[in-house]
Amino acid sequence: MKTRPDQTICNLNWYQPDKLSKSGAAGLASSILIIMMSKSMQRHGCKANRMPVSHYSTLVRAGLLLLLVSAGVHPAQADEPQKRVSNSLGMEFVLLPAGSFLMGSPPDEPYRDKSEARHQVNLTRPFYMQTTEVTFGQWRAVMGSWFMMRWKGPENLPVTEVSWHDTQDFLKKLNELGEGRYRLPTEAEWEYAARAGSTTAYSWGDRIDCSRAMYANSRFGSKTCLDKRPGLLPDSPAPVKSFSANQWGLYDMHGNAWEWVQDWFAPYPQKPLSDPQGPREGTHRVRRGGSWYGQGSYCRSANRAFAHPANREITSGFRVVRVVEPDA
């Protein structure tokens, strides 16, 4: 059979849709695709003839893709992680994208410490950050009980007086529930989440604001801030979500309770880093974010604190990361 150089030999009519699928929806979709592709190809000089089934399957998949996209559905989205997830304990997580940021503080930032040397960090993988600090209620749901209860208040207070080792016990039991994989954030992940795209001392600007964070002055030095939230307990952290979230939907990244992270404390390397994990060994673990019992400068995004991993302090809590699974 002679053909023009620009004419394609193909076959669409040789395969009958009802032989490919007996189901109504799939059969109808196949019929529509065959008709659409046959008409389109014939208009472009394509002669229907015998075609290998593998070629036909490829065309069917391509046609389905075109139909989905034209309907506003992008199949690639099926492979993308959900933006927000939660588990049966009521722990909520927001997806943070991979990205680069400047970690640490500029030389002219007030209250800056020499351990905050600014450097470029690249996080190559997305991760889920818990939207709040782990609460007493969530702790008890996982651990079964609590060995110290200083605060006589609601279950939505952040759990405190936990050591870094305690957080590892919690994570072990949480992972055994089979509802995802959990860990502490790295120090870099924590600051990336706290900044939420900002480069200022706090996620909202360069000045501490007692209407946005729970720190010592908002408890003891500014009655006006307390009057706006009469439900806050005296001399204790605030219930989670008492203050507004940052730009990425995370609560209390500044103040309320110090948050343990995974890393050992050490000076920052003076070079760009990708997915830093901190040193392999050390004597103290890093805590971030400041607390209800400390001054506002401790709540800066870049501020670093540390403590022995066995220490249980009334201001120490934590939040966790949920790992993004390949098929999430």
C-alpha atoms as a PDB file:
ATOM      1  CA  MET A   1       0.000   0.000   0.000  1.00  0.00           C
ATOM      2  CA  LYS A   2       1.392   3.350  -1.034  1.00  0.00           C
ATOM      3  CA  THR A   3       1.312   6.223   1.385  1.00  0.00           C
ATOM      4  CA  ARG A   4       2.366   9.833   1.359  1.00  0.00           C
ATOM      5  CA  PRO A   5       5.526  10.656   3.391  1.00  0.00           C
ATOM      6  CA  ASP A   6       3.412  12.549   5.916  1.00  0.00           C
ATOM      7  CA  GLN A   7       0.732   9.858   6.145  1.00  0.00           C
ATOM      8  CA  THR A   8       0.738   7.597   9.214  1.00  0.00           C
ATOM      9  CA  ILE A   9      -0.298   3.949   9.144  1.00  0.00           C
ATOM     10  CA  CYS A  10      -2.515   3.325  12.157  1.00  0.00           C
ATOM     11  CA  ASN A  11      -5.488   1.285  13.287  1.00  0.00           C
ATOM     12  CA  LEU A  12      -8.302   2.424  15.509  1.00  0.00           C
ATOM     13  CA  ASN A  13     -11.376   0.629  14.148  1.00  0.00           C
ATOM     14  CA  TRP A  14      -9.839  -2.843  14.146  1.00  0.00           C
ATOM     15  CA  TYR A  15     -10.268  -3.102  17.941  1.00  0.00           C
ATOM     16  CA  GLN A  16     -13.808  -3.083  19.233  1.00  0.00           C
ATOM     17  CA  PRO A  17     -14.381  -1.289  22.579  1.00  0.00           C
ATOM     18  CA  ASP A  18     -16.620  -4.066  23.924  1.00  0.00           C
ATOM     19  CA  LYS A  19     -13.723  -6.486  23.551  1.00  0.00           C
ATOM     20  CA  LEU A  20     -11.529  -4.254  25.647  1.00  0.00           C
ATOM     21  CA  SER A  21     -13.936  -3.744  28.501  1.00  0.00           C
ATOM     22  CA  LYS A  22     -17.372  -5.028  29.411  1.00  0.00           C
ATOM     23  CA  SER A  23     -17.919  -2.359  32.078  1.00  0.00           C
ATOM     24  CA  GLY A  24     -20.201   0.475  31.090  1.00  0.00           C
ATOM     25  CA  ALA A  25     -17.943   3.361  32.101  1.00  0.00           C
ATOM     26  CA  ALA A  26     -14.731   1.934  30.710  1.00  0.00           C
ATOM     27  CA  GLY A  27     -16.426   0.706  27.542  1.00  0.00           C
ATOM     28  CA  LEU A  28     -18.026   4.081  26.959  1.00  0.00           C
ATOM     29  CA  ALA A  29     -14.717   5.853  27.564  1.00  0.00           C
ATOM     30  CA  SER A  30     -12.984   3.536  25.092  1.00  0.00           C
ATOM     31  CA  SER A  31     -15.699   4.116  22.498  1.00  0.00           C
ATOM     32  CA  ILE A  32     -15.472   7.869  22.864  1.00  0.00           C
ATOM     33  CA  LEU A  33     -11.695   7.796  22.597  1.00  0.00           C
ATOM     34  CA  ILE A  34     -11.741   5.593  19.518  1.00  0.00           C
ATOM     35  CA  ILE A  35     -14.230   7.844  17.779  1.00  0.00           C
ATOM     36  CA  MET A  36     -12.347  11.004  18.781  1.00  0.00           C
ATOM     37  CA  MET A  37      -8.954   9.696  17.726  1.00  0.00           C
ATOM     38  CA  SER A  38     -10.248   8.072  14.549  1.00  0.00           C
ATOM     39  CA  LYS A  39     -11.953  11.259  13.378  1.00  0.00           C
ATOM     40  CA  SER A  40      -9.001  13.405  14.352  1.00  0.00           C
ATOM     41  CA  MET A  41      -6.447  11.205  12.627  1.00  0.00           C
ATOM     42  CA  GLN A  42      -8.528  10.832   9.502  1.00  0.00           C
ATOM     43  CA  ARG A  43      -8.812  14.609   9.256  1.00  0.00           C
ATOM     44  CA  HIS A  44      -5.032  14.772   9.338  1.00  0.00           C
ATOM     45  CA  GLY A  45      -4.573  12.182   6.614  1.00  0.00           C
ATOM     46  CA  CYS A  46      -4.083   9.217   8.924  1.00  0.00           C
ATOM     47  CA  LYS A  47      -5.369   5.965   7.382  1.00  0.00           C
ATOM     48  CA  ALA A  48      -6.966   3.462   9.733  1.00  0.00           C
ATOM     49  CA  ASN A  49      -5.194   0.134   9.400  1.00  0.00           C
ATOM     50  CA  ARG A  50      -3.768  -2.585  11.628  1.00  0.00           C
ATOM     51  CA  MET A  51      -1.985  -1.294  14.744  1.00  0.00           C
ATOM     52  CA  PRO A  52      -0.224  -3.220  17.568  1.00  0.00           C
ATOM     53  CA  VAL A  53      -2.228  -3.309  20.779  1.00  0.00           C
ATOM     54  CA  SER A  54       0.588  -1.642  22.705  1.00  0.00           C
ATOM     55  CA  HIS A  55       0.260   1.395  20.433  1.00  0.00           C
ATOM     56  CA  TYR A  56      -3.476   1.415  20.921  1.00  0.00           C
ATOM     57  CA  SER A  57      -3.083   1.284  24.718  1.00  0.00           C
ATOM     58  CA  THR A  58      -0.705   4.202  24.591  1.00  0.00           C
ATOM     59  CA  LEU A  59      -3.218   6.230  22.604  1.00  0.00           C
ATOM     60  CA  VAL A  60      -6.018   5.314  25.013  1.00  0.00           C
ATOM     61  CA  ARG A  61      -3.943   6.483  27.978  1.00  0.00           C
ATOM     62  CA  ALA A  62      -3.068   9.682  26.162  1.00  0.00           C
ATOM     63  CA  GLY A  63      -6.717  10.247  25.328  1.00  0.00           C
ATOM     64  CA  LEU A  64      -7.782   9.696  28.921  1.00  0.00           C
ATOM     65  CA  LEU A  65      -5.165  12.179  30.028  1.00  0.00           C
ATOM     66  CA  LEU A  66      -6.490  14.754  27.577  1.00  0.00           C
ATOM     67  CA  LEU A  67     -10.049  14.203  28.783  1.00  0.00           C
ATOM     68  CA  LEU A  68      -9.068  14.568  32.425  1.00  0.00           C
ATOM     69  CA  VAL A  69      -7.052  17.715  31.831  1.00  0.00           C
ATOM     70  CA  SER A  70      -9.833  19.260  29.772  1.00  0.00           C
ATOM     71  CA  ALA A  71     -12.178  18.586  32.707  1.00  0.00           C
ATOM     72  CA  GLY A  72      -9.837  20.393  35.087  1.00  0.00           C
ATOM     73  CA  VAL A  73      -8.447  17.222  36.673  1.00  0.00           C
ATOM     74  CA  HIS A  74      -4.684  16.787  36.604  1.00  0.00           C
ATOM     75  CA  PRO A  75      -3.693  13.138  37.166  1.00  0.00           C
ATOM     76  CA  ALA A  76      -0.293  14.201  38.466  1.00  0.00           C
ATOM     77  CA  GLN A  77      -2.124  15.445  41.519  1.00  0.00           C
ATOM     78  CA  ALA A  78      -2.860  11.855  42.457  1.00  0.00           C
ATOM     79  CA  ASP A  79       0.862  11.364  43.047  1.00  0.00           C
ATOM     80  CA  GLU A  80       1.221  14.528  45.119  1.00  0.00           C
ATOM     81  CA  PRO A  81       0.939  14.394  48.933  1.00  0.00           C
ATOM     82  CA  GLN A  82      -2.143  15.863  50.548  1.00  0.00           C
ATOM     83  CA  LYS A  83      -1.688  19.403  51.835  1.00  0.00           C
ATOM     84  CA  ARG A  84      -3.044  18.512  55.286  1.00  0.00           C
ATOM     85  CA  VAL A  85      -3.305  15.178  57.073  1.00  0.00           C
ATOM     86  CA  SER A  86      -4.337  14.035  60.532  1.00  0.00           C
ATOM     87  CA  ASN A  87      -4.377  10.815  62.514  1.00  0.00           C
ATOM     88  CA  SER A  88      -6.862   9.148  64.851  1.00  0.00           C
ATOM     89  CA  LEU A  89      -5.399  11.012  67.837  1.00  0.00           C
ATOM     90  CA  GLY A  90      -6.375  14.368  66.373  1.00  0.00           C
ATOM     91  CA  MET A  91      -2.784  15.321  65.563  1.00  0.00           C
ATOM     92  CA  GLU A  92      -2.888  17.634  62.544  1.00  0.00           C
ATOM     93  CA  PHE A  93      -0.087  18.169  60.035  1.00  0.00           C
ATOM     94  CA  VAL A  94       0.513  20.606  57.202  1.00  0.00           C
ATOM     95  CA  LEU A  95       2.712  19.810  54.210  1.00  0.00           C
ATOM     96  CA  LEU A  96       5.785  22.021  53.895  1.00  0.00           C
ATOM     97  CA  PRO A  97       7.466  22.032  50.484  1.00  0.00           C
ATOM     98  CA  ALA A  98      11.116  21.457  49.773  1.00  0.00           C
ATOM     99  CA  GLY A  99      12.987  24.740  49.509  1.00  0.00           C
ATOM    100  CA  SER A 100      15.964  26.900  50.361  1.00  0.00           C
ATOM    101  CA  PHE A 101      16.283  29.576  53.026  1.00  0.00           C
ATOM    102  CA  LEU A 102      18.783  31.576  55.044  1.00  0.00           C
ATOM    103  CA  MET A 103      19.203  29.904  58.428  1.00  0.00           C
ATOM    104  CA  GLY A 104      20.483  31.963  61.348  1.00  0.00           C
ATOM    105  CA  SER A 105      20.364  35.709  61.892  1.00  0.00           C
ATOM    106  CA  PRO A 106      22.006  38.753  60.290  1.00  0.00           C
ATOM    107  CA  PRO A 107      24.782  40.475  62.260  1.00  0.00           C
ATOM    108  CA  ASP A 108      22.577  43.470  63.107  1.00  0.00           C
ATOM    109  CA  GLU A 109      19.609  41.540  64.551  1.00  0.00           C
ATOM    110  CA  PRO A 110      18.998  42.612  68.184  1.00  0.00           C
ATOM    111  CA  TYR A 111      19.791  39.956  70.812  1.00  0.00           C
ATOM    112  CA  ARG A 112      21.634  37.888  68.225  1.00  0.00           C
ATOM    113  CA  ASP A 113      24.008  35.214  69.525  1.00  0.00           C
ATOM    114  CA  LYS A 114      27.260  34.229  67.838  1.00  0.00           C
ATOM    115  CA  SER A 115      25.941  30.672  67.444  1.00  0.00           C
ATOM    116  CA  GLU A 116      23.397  31.970  64.901  1.00  0.00           C
ATOM    117  CA  ALA A 117      25.801  32.479  61.978  1.00  0.00           C
ATOM    118  CA  ARG A 118      23.732  32.941  58.851  1.00  0.00           C
ATOM    119  CA  HIS A 119      24.111  30.357  56.089  1.00  0.00           C
ATOM    120  CA  GLN A 120      22.201  28.937  53.144  1.00  0.00           C
ATOM    121  CA  VAL A 121      20.241  25.722  53.713  1.00  0.00           C
ATOM    122  CA  ASN A 122      18.544  23.610  51.079  1.00  0.00           C
ATOM    123  CA  LEU A 123      15.843  21.157  52.155  1.00  0.00           C
ATOM    124  CA  THR A 124      15.375  18.733  49.292  1.00  0.00           C
ATOM    125  CA  ARG A 125      12.339  16.825  50.564  1.00  0.00           C
ATOM    126  CA  PRO A 126       8.871  17.983  51.638  1.00  0.00           C
ATOM    127  CA  PHE A 127       7.666  17.013  55.096  1.00  0.00           C
ATOM    128  CA  TYR A 128       4.597  17.269  57.283  1.00  0.00           C
ATOM    129  CA  MET A 129       4.954  19.531  60.328  1.00  0.00           C
ATOM    130  CA  GLN A 130       2.529  19.163  63.218  1.00  0.00           C
ATOM    131  CA  THR A 131       0.409  22.299  63.358  1.00  0.00           C
ATOM    132  CA  THR A 132       0.617  22.496  67.172  1.00  0.00           C
ATOM    133  CA  GLU A 133       2.814  21.339  69.977  1.00  0.00           C
ATOM    134  CA  VAL A 134       1.980  17.858  71.257  1.00  0.00           C
ATOM    135  CA  THR A 135      -0.768  18.257  73.856  1.00  0.00           C
ATOM    136  CA  PHE A 136      -1.353  16.523  77.171  1.00  0.00           C
ATOM    137  CA  GLY A 137      -4.327  14.763  75.636  1.00  0.00           C
ATOM    138  CA  GLN A 138      -2.261  13.425  72.735  1.00  0.00           C
ATOM    139  CA  TRP A 139       0.522  12.371  75.083  1.00  0.00           C
ATOM    140  CA  ARG A 140      -1.837  10.417  77.315  1.00  0.00           C
ATOM    141  CA  ALA A 141      -3.541   8.809  74.317  1.00  0.00           C
ATOM    142  CA  VAL A 142      -0.183   7.400  73.206  1.00  0.00           C
ATOM    143  CA  MET A 143       1.612   6.776  76.505  1.00  0.00           C
ATOM    144  CA  GLY A 144      -1.401   5.771  78.602  1.00  0.00           C
ATOM    145  CA  SER A 145      -0.580   8.054  81.507  1.00  0.00           C
ATOM    146  CA  TRP A 146       1.585  10.953  82.554  1.00  0.00           C
ATOM    147  CA  PHE A 147       4.033  10.832  85.434  1.00  0.00           C
ATOM    148  CA  MET A 148       3.840  14.548  86.238  1.00  0.00           C
ATOM    149  CA  MET A 149       0.889  16.898  85.916  1.00  0.00           C
ATOM    150  CA  ARG A 150       1.758  20.338  87.170  1.00  0.00           C
ATOM    151  CA  TRP A 151      -0.975  22.077  85.205  1.00  0.00           C
ATOM    152  CA  LYS A 152      -4.557  21.449  86.261  1.00  0.00           C
ATOM    153  CA  GLY A 153      -6.119  22.504  83.026  1.00  0.00           C
ATOM    154  CA  PRO A 154      -7.519  21.326  79.699  1.00  0.00           C
ATOM    155  CA  GLU A 155      -6.094  18.516  77.632  1.00  0.00           C
ATOM    156  CA  ASN A 156      -5.143  20.986  74.897  1.00  0.00           C
ATOM    157  CA  LEU A 157      -2.269  22.471  76.884  1.00  0.00           C
ATOM    158  CA  PRO A 158       1.115  21.595  75.365  1.00  0.00           C
ATOM    159  CA  VAL A 159       2.710  18.714  77.213  1.00  0.00           C
ATOM    160  CA  THR A 160       5.762  19.957  79.126  1.00  0.00           C
ATOM    161  CA  GLU A 161       8.384  18.624  81.536  1.00  0.00           C
ATOM    162  CA  VAL A 162       9.399  16.119  78.887  1.00  0.00           C
ATOM    163  CA  SER A 163      13.013  15.262  78.229  1.00  0.00           C
ATOM    164  CA  TRP A 164      14.430  14.599  74.784  1.00  0.00           C
ATOM    165  CA  HIS A 165      14.536  10.912  75.731  1.00  0.00           C
ATOM    166  CA  ASP A 166      10.832  11.088  76.629  1.00  0.00           C
ATOM    167  CA  THR A 167      10.069  12.352  73.135  1.00  0.00           C
ATOM    168  CA  GLN A 168      11.794   9.298  71.676  1.00  0.00           C
ATOM    169  CA  ASP A 169       9.644   6.980  73.814  1.00  0.00           C
ATOM    170  CA  PHE A 170       6.552   8.823  72.594  1.00  0.00           C
ATOM    171  CA  LEU A 171       7.639   8.543  68.961  1.00  0.00           C
ATOM    172  CA  LYS A 172       8.332   4.825  69.294  1.00  0.00           C
ATOM    173  CA  LYS A 173       4.802   4.165  70.549  1.00  0.00           C
ATOM    174  CA  LEU A 174       3.254   6.569  68.050  1.00  0.00           C
ATOM    175  CA  ASN A 175       4.976   4.789  65.166  1.00  0.00           C
ATOM    176  CA  GLU A 176       3.742   1.441  66.470  1.00  0.00           C
ATOM    177  CA  LEU A 177       0.152   2.586  65.866  1.00  0.00           C
ATOM    178  CA  GLY A 178       0.728   2.151  62.140  1.00  0.00           C
ATOM    179  CA  GLU A 179      -0.665   5.532  61.092  1.00  0.00           C
ATOM    180  CA  GLY A 180       2.416   6.900  59.386  1.00  0.00           C
ATOM    181  CA  ARG A 181       6.052   7.432  60.357  1.00  0.00           C
ATOM    182  CA  TYR A 182       6.927  10.173  62.819  1.00  0.00           C
ATOM    183  CA  ARG A 183      10.096  11.811  64.141  1.00  0.00           C
ATOM    184  CA  LEU A 184      11.335  15.059  65.618  1.00  0.00           C
ATOM    185  CA  PRO A 185      12.091  17.836  63.134  1.00  0.00           C
ATOM    186  CA  THR A 186      15.704  18.625  62.442  1.00  0.00           C
ATOM    187  CA  GLU A 187      16.849  22.033  63.614  1.00  0.00           C
ATOM    188  CA  ALA A 188      16.890  23.252  60.007  1.00  0.00           C
ATOM    189  CA  GLU A 189      13.368  21.979  59.360  1.00  0.00           C
ATOM    190  CA  TRP A 190      12.156  23.657  62.533  1.00  0.00           C
ATOM    191  CA  GLU A 191      13.551  27.089  61.589  1.00  0.00           C
ATOM    192  CA  TYR A 192      12.308  26.727  58.011  1.00  0.00           C
ATOM    193  CA  ALA A 193       8.816  26.066  59.396  1.00  0.00           C
ATOM    194  CA  ALA A 194       9.012  28.892  61.938  1.00  0.00           C
ATOM    195  CA  ARG A 195      10.083  31.428  59.331  1.00  0.00           C
ATOM    196  CA  ALA A 196       7.361  30.378  56.888  1.00  0.00           C
ATOM    197  CA  GLY A 197       9.115  32.298  54.136  1.00  0.00           C
ATOM    198  CA  SER A 198      10.095  35.301  56.277  1.00  0.00           C
ATOM    199  CA  THR A 199      13.586  36.715  56.835  1.00  0.00           C
ATOM    200  CA  THR A 200      12.716  38.856  59.871  1.00  0.00           C
ATOM    201  CA  ALA A 201      13.368  38.113  63.534  1.00  0.00           C
ATOM    202  CA  TYR A 202       9.836  36.764  63.933  1.00  0.00           C
ATOM    203  CA  SER A 203       7.576  35.410  61.225  1.00  0.00           C
ATOM    204  CA  TRP A 204       5.462  38.605  61.368  1.00  0.00           C
ATOM    205  CA  GLY A 205       8.280  41.189  61.610  1.00  0.00           C
ATOM    206  CA  ASP A 206      11.219  42.372  63.694  1.00  0.00           C
ATOM    207  CA  ARG A 207       9.414  43.231  66.930  1.00  0.00           C
ATOM    208  CA  ILE A 208       7.937  40.823  69.450  1.00  0.00           C
ATOM    209  CA  ASP A 209       4.167  41.087  69.730  1.00  0.00           C
ATOM    210  CA  CYS A 210       2.318  39.830  72.799  1.00  0.00           C
ATOM    211  CA  SER A 211      -0.851  39.423  70.781  1.00  0.00           C
ATOM    212  CA  ARG A 212       0.907  36.870  68.576  1.00  0.00           C
ATOM    213  CA  ALA A 213       2.988  34.795  70.989  1.00  0.00           C
ATOM    214  CA  MET A 214       2.982  33.467  74.550  1.00  0.00           C
ATOM    215  CA  TYR A 215       6.154  34.666  76.305  1.00  0.00           C
ATOM    216  CA  ALA A 216       6.986  36.106  79.712  1.00  0.00           C
ATOM    217  CA  ASN A 217       5.981  39.692  78.997  1.00  0.00           C
ATOM    218  CA  SER A 218       2.600  38.632  77.665  1.00  0.00           C
ATOM    219  CA  ARG A 219       2.009  36.824  80.940  1.00  0.00           C
ATOM    220  CA  PHE A 220       3.544  39.164  83.490  1.00  0.00           C
ATOM    221  CA  GLY A 221       4.159  42.475  81.763  1.00  0.00           C
ATOM    222  CA  SER A 222       1.148  43.253  79.621  1.00  0.00           C
ATOM    223  CA  LYS A 223      -2.253  42.811  81.195  1.00  0.00           C
ATOM    224  CA  THR A 224      -3.904  44.101  78.049  1.00  0.00           C
ATOM    225  CA  CYS A 225      -2.788  41.021  76.121  1.00  0.00           C
ATOM    226  CA  LEU A 226      -4.234  38.774  78.815  1.00  0.00           C
ATOM    227  CA  ASP A 227      -7.529  40.603  78.827  1.00  0.00           C
ATOM    228  CA  LYS A 228      -7.949  39.698  75.166  1.00  0.00           C
ATOM    229  CA  ARG A 229      -7.681  35.988  76.053  1.00  0.00           C
ATOM    230  CA  PRO A 230      -9.419  35.461  79.404  1.00  0.00           C
ATOM    231  CA  GLY A 231      -9.247  31.678  79.029  1.00  0.00           C
ATOM    232  CA  LEU A 232      -5.480  31.556  79.573  1.00  0.00           C
ATOM    233  CA  LEU A 233      -4.385  29.934  82.819  1.00  0.00           C
ATOM    234  CA  PRO A 234      -2.154  31.784  85.290  1.00  0.00           C
ATOM    235  CA  ASP A 235       1.539  30.940  85.248  1.00  0.00           C
ATOM    236  CA  SER A 236       1.339  28.246  82.593  1.00  0.00           C
ATOM    237  CA  PRO A 237       1.570  27.819  78.832  1.00  0.00           C
ATOM    238  CA  ALA A 238      -1.500  28.670  76.802  1.00  0.00           C
ATOM    239  CA  PRO A 239      -3.760  26.060  75.219  1.00  0.00           C
ATOM    240  CA  VAL A 240      -2.574  25.346  71.696  1.00  0.00           C
ATOM    241  CA  LYS A 241      -4.080  27.565  68.994  1.00  0.00           C
ATOM    242  CA  SER A 242      -4.648  30.424  71.469  1.00  0.00           C
ATOM    243  CA  PHE A 243      -2.679  32.665  69.112  1.00  0.00           C
ATOM    244  CA  SER A 244      -2.888  32.981  65.349  1.00  0.00           C
ATOM    245  CA  ALA A 245      -0.955  30.630  63.079  1.00  0.00           C
ATOM    246  CA  ASN A 246       1.983  31.706  60.944  1.00  0.00           C
ATOM    247  CA  GLN A 247       1.794  32.008  57.162  1.00  0.00           C
ATOM    248  CA  TRP A 248       2.103  28.237  56.768  1.00  0.00           C
ATOM    249  CA  GLY A 249      -0.617  27.340  59.253  1.00  0.00           C
ATOM    250  CA  LEU A 250       1.617  26.491  62.233  1.00  0.00           C
ATOM    251  CA  TYR A 251       0.726  27.604  65.764  1.00  0.00           C
ATOM    252  CA  ASP A 252       3.037  28.665  68.609  1.00  0.00           C
ATOM    253  CA  MET A 253       6.293  28.455  66.694  1.00  0.00           C
ATOM    254  CA  HIS A 254       7.175  31.524  68.760  1.00  0.00           C
ATOM    255  CA  GLY A 255       6.724  31.062  72.505  1.00  0.00           C
ATOM    256  CA  ASN A 256       4.442  28.876  74.640  1.00  0.00           C
ATOM    257  CA  ALA A 257       6.837  25.913  75.083  1.00  0.00           C
ATOM    258  CA  TRP A 258      10.413  25.237  74.103  1.00  0.00           C
ATOM    259  CA  GLU A 259      10.454  22.534  71.442  1.00  0.00           C
ATOM    260  CA  TRP A 260      13.000  19.749  71.282  1.00  0.00           C
ATOM    261  CA  VAL A 261      14.472  19.020  67.849  1.00  0.00           C
ATOM    262  CA  GLN A 262      16.548  16.094  66.668  1.00  0.00           C
ATOM    263  CA  ASP A 263      20.003  17.708  66.486  1.00  0.00           C
ATOM    264  CA  TRP A 264      22.877  17.790  68.893  1.00  0.00           C
ATOM    265  CA  PHE A 265      23.976  21.359  69.551  1.00  0.00           C
ATOM    266  CA  ALA A 266      27.106  22.612  67.760  1.00  0.00           C
ATOM    267  CA  PRO A 267      28.252  25.766  65.934  1.00  0.00           C
ATOM    268  CA  TYR A 268      26.933  26.018  62.395  1.00  0.00           C
ATOM    269  CA  PRO A 269      29.295  25.054  59.555  1.00  0.00           C
ATOM    270  CA  GLN A 270      30.303  28.156  57.602  1.00  0.00           C
ATOM    271  CA  LYS A 271      29.054  26.916  54.237  1.00  0.00           C
ATOM    272  CA  PRO A 272      25.822  26.123  52.394  1.00  0.00           C
ATOM    273  CA  LEU A 273      24.185  22.914  53.545  1.00  0.00           C
ATOM    274  CA  SER A 274      21.677  20.445  52.133  1.00  0.00           C
ATOM    275  CA  ASP A 275      19.373  18.591  54.546  1.00  0.00           C
ATOM    276  CA  PRO A 276      21.632  19.164  57.569  1.00  0.00           C
ATOM    277  CA  GLN A 277      21.248  16.680  60.409  1.00  0.00           C
ATOM    278  CA  GLY A 278      23.600  18.266  62.925  1.00  0.00           C
ATOM    279  CA  PRO A 279      26.660  16.551  64.407  1.00  0.00           C
ATOM    280  CA  ARG A 280      26.709  12.790  64.946  1.00  0.00           C
ATOM    281  CA  GLU A 281      27.317  13.128  68.665  1.00  0.00           C
ATOM    282  CA  GLY A 282      27.278  15.715  71.411  1.00  0.00           C
ATOM    283  CA  THR A 283      26.308  16.452  75.002  1.00  0.00           C
ATOM    284  CA  HIS A 284      23.236  18.674  74.578  1.00  0.00           C
ATOM    285  CA  ARG A 285      20.211  18.593  72.287  1.00  0.00           C
ATOM    286  CA  VAL A 286      18.786  21.710  70.655  1.00  0.00           C
ATOM    287  CA  ARG A 287      15.541  23.361  71.779  1.00  0.00           C
ATOM    288  CA  ARG A 288      13.796  26.037  69.752  1.00  0.00           C
ATOM    289  CA  GLY A 289      11.075  28.670  69.914  1.00  0.00           C
ATOM    290  CA  GLY A 290      11.149  30.165  73.408  1.00  0.00           C
ATOM    291  CA  SER A 291       8.460  29.667  76.031  1.00  0.00           C
ATOM    292  CA  TRP A 292       5.753  31.232  78.162  1.00  0.00           C
ATOM    293  CA  TYR A 293       8.357  31.685  80.915  1.00  0.00           C
ATOM    294  CA  GLY A 294      11.097  33.385  78.893  1.00  0.00           C
ATOM    295  CA  GLN A 295      11.705  36.797  77.379  1.00  0.00           C
ATOM    296  CA  GLY A 296      10.570  37.687  73.896  1.00  0.00           C
ATOM    297  CA  SER A 297      14.022  37.599  72.307  1.00  0.00           C
ATOM    298  CA  TYR A 298      14.186  33.858  73.012  1.00  0.00           C
ATOM    299  CA  CYS A 299      11.231  33.453  70.644  1.00  0.00           C
ATOM    300  CA  ARG A 300      13.136  34.722  67.596  1.00  0.00           C
ATOM    301  CA  SER A 301      13.146  32.353  64.630  1.00  0.00           C
ATOM    302  CA  ALA A 302      16.950  32.062  64.728  1.00  0.00           C
ATOM    303  CA  ASN A 303      17.375  31.767  68.494  1.00  0.00           C
ATOM    304  CA  ARG A 304      19.076  28.561  69.626  1.00  0.00           C
ATOM    305  CA  ALA A 305      18.923  26.969  73.047  1.00  0.00           C
ATOM    306  CA  PHE A 306      20.114  23.617  74.275  1.00  0.00           C
ATOM    307  CA  ALA A 307      19.757  21.279  77.236  1.00  0.00           C
ATOM    308  CA  HIS A 308      20.906  17.868  78.358  1.00  0.00           C
ATOM    309  CA  PRO A 309      18.654  15.266  76.705  1.00  0.00           C
ATOM    310  CA  ALA A 310      17.657  13.853  80.106  1.00  0.00           C
ATOM    311  CA  ASN A 311      16.482  17.225  81.466  1.00  0.00           C
ATOM    312  CA  ARG A 312      12.782  17.667  82.211  1.00  0.00           C
ATOM    313  CA  GLU A 313      11.955  21.340  82.526  1.00  0.00           C
ATOM    314  CA  ILE A 314       8.565  22.954  83.051  1.00  0.00           C
ATOM    315  CA  THR A 315       9.002  24.892  79.803  1.00  0.00           C
ATOM    316  CA  SER A 316      10.079  22.035  77.502  1.00  0.00           C
ATOM    317  CA  GLY A 317       7.691  20.445  75.029  1.00  0.00           C
ATOM    318  CA  PHE A 318       7.863  19.332  71.402  1.00  0.00           C
ATOM    319  CA  ARG A 319       6.048  18.833  68.117  1.00  0.00           C
ATOM    320  CA  VAL A 320       6.633  16.109  65.568  1.00  0.00           C
ATOM    321  CA  VAL A 321       7.152  15.639  61.853  1.00  0.00           C
ATOM    322  CA  ARG A 322       5.247  13.086  59.823  1.00  0.00           C
ATOM    323  CA  VAL A 323       7.282  11.609  56.984  1.00  0.00           C
ATOM    324  CA  VAL A 324       5.916  12.036  53.466  1.00  0.00           C
ATOM    325  CA  GLU A 325       5.513   8.509  52.131  1.00  0.00           C
ATOM    326  CA  PRO A 326       6.235   7.807  48.436  1.00  0.00           C
ATOM    327  CA  ASP A 327       2.570   7.001  47.768  1.00  0.00           C
ATOM    328  CA  ALA A 328       1.152   9.679  50.105  1.00  0.00           C
END
